[in-house]
């Protein structure tokens, strides 16, 4: 009897995960096709390559998201994570940033990046792809110093990886004029990076096969 119950439970878990996987893939396909339809492509072959690569990256994102250890609530129908939004932006601490990145800035590190202007603020997900004695390079947002401050004069600030910062980034939290507003939709690239976050140890992101 116990063996039968165990097998039934495993079957239910397998079916539940399969349904979640299919829902995520469908959502990502719709989202990415819509996004690509809005872009301007002068090179037809480039557009064809983008479409051809979609299955690989979408299936990879869905698989790693479901296999991850995120504490956030996953909405598979909308392809997003859900968590209560704080009234205030994640705080930047110069001393903690300098100490953390002085020891832990390495190629492949997943990082939360505060992006802001006079009205709009949000936290995005990026990764480190180059490190020098004076700072490091964010794959999307460019060069920053050892404290995570932009060296290119743009409105970005790399934050020390934390549950608060990554929760805001993964859930797409947005602040308009300092007040919480409708969350943004993460890009497929961000979803792939988010799936690599090791919530038990931010200094050691999960390594995925290319």
Protein backbone atom coordinates (compact mmCIF):
# COMPACT_ATOMS: atom_id res chain seq x y z
CA UNK A 1 0.00 0.00 0.00
CA UNK A 2 2.79 2.41 0.90
CA UNK A 3 4.62 1.60 -2.32
CA UNK A 4 1.48 2.31 -4.33
CA UNK A 5 0.96 5.65 -2.59
CA UNK A 6 4.58 6.60 -3.20
CA UNK A 7 4.32 5.76 -6.89
CA UNK A 8 1.09 7.73 -7.16
CA UNK A 9 2.72 10.73 -5.48
CA UNK A 10 5.72 10.57 -7.82
CA UNK A 11 3.39 10.31 -10.81
CA UNK A 12 1.47 13.37 -9.63
CA UNK A 13 4.69 15.34 -9.14
CA UNK A 14 5.92 14.35 -12.59
CA UNK A 15 2.61 15.34 -14.19
CA UNK A 16 2.53 18.63 -12.28
CA UNK A 17 6.07 19.51 -13.34
CA UNK A 18 5.30 18.58 -16.94
CA UNK A 19 2.26 20.85 -16.94
CA UNK A 20 4.30 23.70 -15.45
CA UNK A 21 7.02 23.17 -18.06
CA UNK A 22 4.52 23.27 -20.92
CA UNK A 23 2.85 26.39 -19.53
CA UNK A 24 6.19 28.20 -19.21
CA UNK A 25 7.26 27.24 -22.74
CA UNK A 26 3.96 28.41 -24.23
CA UNK A 27 4.13 31.71 -22.37
CA UNK A 28 7.73 32.34 -23.40
CA UNK A 29 6.98 31.54 -27.05
CA UNK A 30 4.08 34.00 -27.17
CA UNK A 31 6.12 36.66 -25.40
CA UNK A 32 9.23 36.31 -27.57
CA UNK A 33 7.35 36.13 -30.88
CA UNK A 34 5.48 39.30 -29.91
CA UNK A 35 8.74 41.00 -28.95
CA UNK A 36 10.48 40.00 -32.18
CA UNK A 37 7.52 41.23 -34.22
CA UNK A 38 8.07 44.69 -32.75
CA UNK A 39 11.76 44.84 -33.64
CA UNK A 40 13.13 46.19 -36.90
CA UNK A 41 15.23 43.70 -38.87
CA UNK A 42 17.04 44.67 -42.08
CA UNK A 43 18.77 41.30 -42.18
CA UNK A 44 16.28 38.51 -42.90
CA UNK A 45 18.86 35.82 -42.14
CA UNK A 46 19.47 37.30 -38.71
CA UNK A 47 15.75 37.21 -37.98
CA UNK A 48 15.61 33.59 -39.14
CA UNK A 49 18.48 32.70 -36.81
CA UNK A 50 16.70 34.35 -33.91
CA UNK A 51 13.56 32.35 -34.56
CA UNK A 52 15.54 29.14 -35.03
CA UNK A 53 17.23 29.58 -31.64
CA UNK A 54 14.00 30.20 -29.72
CA UNK A 55 13.18 26.54 -28.93
CA UNK A 56 16.60 25.93 -27.39
CA UNK A 57 16.59 28.99 -25.12
CA UNK A 58 12.93 28.75 -24.18
CA UNK A 59 13.15 25.08 -23.22
CA UNK A 60 16.39 25.74 -21.35
CA UNK A 61 14.81 28.60 -19.39
CA UNK A 62 11.73 26.55 -18.48
CA UNK A 63 13.80 23.55 -17.35
CA UNK A 64 16.24 25.50 -15.20
CA UNK A 65 13.50 27.62 -13.64
CA UNK A 66 11.67 24.50 -12.48
CA UNK A 67 14.90 22.88 -11.25
CA UNK A 68 16.05 25.97 -9.34
CA UNK A 69 15.77 26.78 -5.63
CA UNK A 70 13.97 30.13 -5.81
CA UNK A 71 11.83 30.91 -2.74
CA UNK A 72 9.55 33.11 -4.85
CA UNK A 73 6.09 32.05 -6.02
CA UNK A 74 6.20 31.01 -9.68
CA UNK A 75 3.25 31.93 -11.92
CA UNK A 76 3.68 29.45 -14.77
CA UNK A 77 0.73 30.81 -16.76
CA UNK A 78 2.33 34.27 -16.98
CA UNK A 79 5.95 33.16 -16.89
CA UNK A 80 6.82 35.30 -13.89
CA UNK A 81 7.65 35.24 -10.20
CA UNK A 82 5.47 36.88 -7.58
CA UNK A 83 6.42 38.49 -4.27
CA UNK A 84 5.16 41.47 -2.31
CA UNK A 85 6.79 44.68 -3.48
CA UNK A 86 8.53 46.88 -0.95
CA UNK A 87 7.54 50.53 -0.74
CA UNK A 88 11.18 51.48 -1.09
CA UNK A 89 13.93 50.59 -3.53
CA UNK A 90 16.62 48.13 -2.42
CA UNK A 91 19.30 50.14 -0.63
CA UNK A 92 22.81 50.71 -1.93
CA UNK A 93 25.57 50.45 0.66
CA UNK A 94 28.97 51.69 -0.53
CA UNK A 95 30.98 49.87 2.14
CA UNK A 96 29.20 46.52 1.74
CA UNK A 97 29.37 46.75 -2.05
CA UNK A 98 33.08 47.49 -2.06
CA UNK A 99 33.80 44.65 0.36
CA UNK A 100 31.65 42.12 -1.52
CA UNK A 101 32.80 42.86 -5.05
CA UNK A 102 36.40 43.28 -3.96
CA UNK A 103 36.35 39.57 -3.04
CA UNK A 104 33.65 38.08 -5.25
CA UNK A 105 33.66 39.82 -8.64
CA UNK A 106 34.29 37.03 -11.15
CA UNK A 107 33.19 36.17 -14.67
CA UNK A 108 29.79 34.52 -14.51
CA UNK A 109 28.59 36.15 -11.28
CA UNK A 110 24.86 36.98 -11.45
CA UNK A 111 24.14 40.51 -10.22
CA UNK A 112 21.14 42.76 -9.52
CA UNK A 113 21.40 46.17 -11.21
CA UNK A 114 19.41 49.21 -10.13
CA UNK A 115 18.36 51.16 -13.24
CA UNK A 116 16.94 54.62 -12.65
CA UNK A 117 16.21 58.11 -13.94
CA UNK A 118 14.30 61.08 -12.51
CA UNK A 119 10.98 59.20 -12.57
CA UNK A 120 11.44 55.47 -13.17
CA UNK A 121 13.39 52.90 -11.17
CA UNK A 122 13.64 49.12 -11.40
CA UNK A 123 16.11 46.32 -10.68
CA UNK A 124 17.35 44.19 -13.57
CA UNK A 125 19.41 41.02 -13.74
CA UNK A 126 22.82 40.97 -15.42
CA UNK A 127 26.08 39.04 -15.24
CA UNK A 128 29.78 39.86 -14.99
CA UNK A 129 31.76 39.06 -18.15
CA UNK A 130 35.11 40.78 -17.46
CA UNK A 131 37.06 41.79 -14.36
CA UNK A 132 39.98 44.22 -14.01
CA UNK A 133 41.90 45.76 -11.13
CA UNK A 134 39.66 48.85 -11.17
CA UNK A 135 36.25 47.25 -11.60
CA UNK A 136 34.22 44.87 -13.71
CA UNK A 137 32.08 44.79 -16.84
CA UNK A 138 28.38 43.97 -16.80
CA UNK A 139 27.31 42.09 -19.92
CA UNK A 140 24.42 44.46 -20.61
CA UNK A 141 25.10 47.57 -18.56
CA UNK A 142 28.81 48.18 -19.13
CA UNK A 143 31.72 49.07 -16.87
CA UNK A 144 31.39 49.78 -13.16
CA UNK A 145 33.99 50.41 -10.46
CA UNK A 146 34.69 48.09 -7.52
CA UNK A 147 31.71 49.53 -5.65
CA UNK A 148 29.37 48.89 -8.57
CA UNK A 149 29.07 52.52 -9.67
CA UNK A 150 28.78 53.13 -13.41
CA UNK A 151 31.95 54.35 -15.14
CA UNK A 152 29.96 55.36 -18.20
CA UNK A 153 27.82 58.10 -16.67
CA UNK A 154 24.51 56.27 -16.98
CA UNK A 155 21.77 55.77 -14.41
CA UNK A 156 22.75 52.35 -13.12
CA UNK A 157 24.08 50.99 -9.86
CA UNK A 158 25.08 47.38 -9.30
CA UNK A 159 23.73 46.18 -5.95
CA UNK A 160 25.24 43.62 -3.62
CA UNK A 161 23.42 40.33 -4.31
CA UNK A 162 20.75 39.79 -1.67
CA UNK A 163 17.31 38.25 -1.32
CA UNK A 164 15.74 41.71 -1.32
CA UNK A 165 17.52 42.88 -4.47
CA UNK A 166 17.04 39.64 -6.41
CA UNK A 167 13.38 39.38 -5.37
CA UNK A 168 12.75 42.84 -6.80
CA UNK A 169 14.64 41.96 -9.98
CA UNK A 170 13.02 38.55 -10.55
CA UNK A 171 9.51 39.91 -9.93
CA UNK A 172 10.05 42.92 -12.21
CA UNK A 173 9.23 45.44 -9.49
CA UNK A 174 9.02 49.03 -10.69
CA UNK A 175 8.87 52.34 -8.82
CA UNK A 176 7.43 55.41 -10.55
CA UNK A 177 8.22 58.70 -8.82
CA UNK A 178 9.19 56.68 -5.77
CA UNK A 179 5.97 54.67 -5.60
CA UNK A 180 5.36 51.03 -6.48
CA UNK A 181 3.61 50.56 -9.82
CA UNK A 182 2.81 47.76 -12.29
CA UNK A 183 5.66 45.21 -12.54
CA UNK A 184 7.53 44.89 -15.82
CA UNK A 185 7.88 41.67 -17.79
CA UNK A 186 11.35 40.13 -17.69
CA UNK A 187 13.15 39.40 -20.94
CA UNK A 188 13.99 35.81 -21.84
CA UNK A 189 17.65 36.65 -21.19
CA UNK A 190 16.80 37.77 -17.65
CA UNK A 191 14.73 34.63 -17.06
CA UNK A 192 17.72 32.53 -18.10
CA UNK A 193 19.99 34.44 -15.73
CA UNK A 194 17.42 34.32 -12.92
CA UNK A 195 17.27 30.54 -13.25
CA UNK A 196 21.01 30.41 -12.45
CA UNK A 197 20.67 32.28 -9.16
CA UNK A 198 21.61 30.09 -6.22
CA UNK A 199 19.40 31.50 -3.49
CA UNK A 200 21.30 29.59 -0.83
CA UNK A 201 24.64 31.11 -1.84
CA UNK A 202 24.62 34.07 -4.23
CA UNK A 203 28.40 33.84 -4.65
CA UNK A 204 28.04 30.48 -6.38
CA UNK A 205 25.46 30.66 -9.18
CA UNK A 206 24.37 27.45 -10.83
CA UNK A 207 26.42 26.51 -13.87
CA UNK A 208 24.36 25.52 -16.89
CA UNK A 209 25.48 23.80 -20.04
CA UNK A 210 25.61 25.97 -23.15
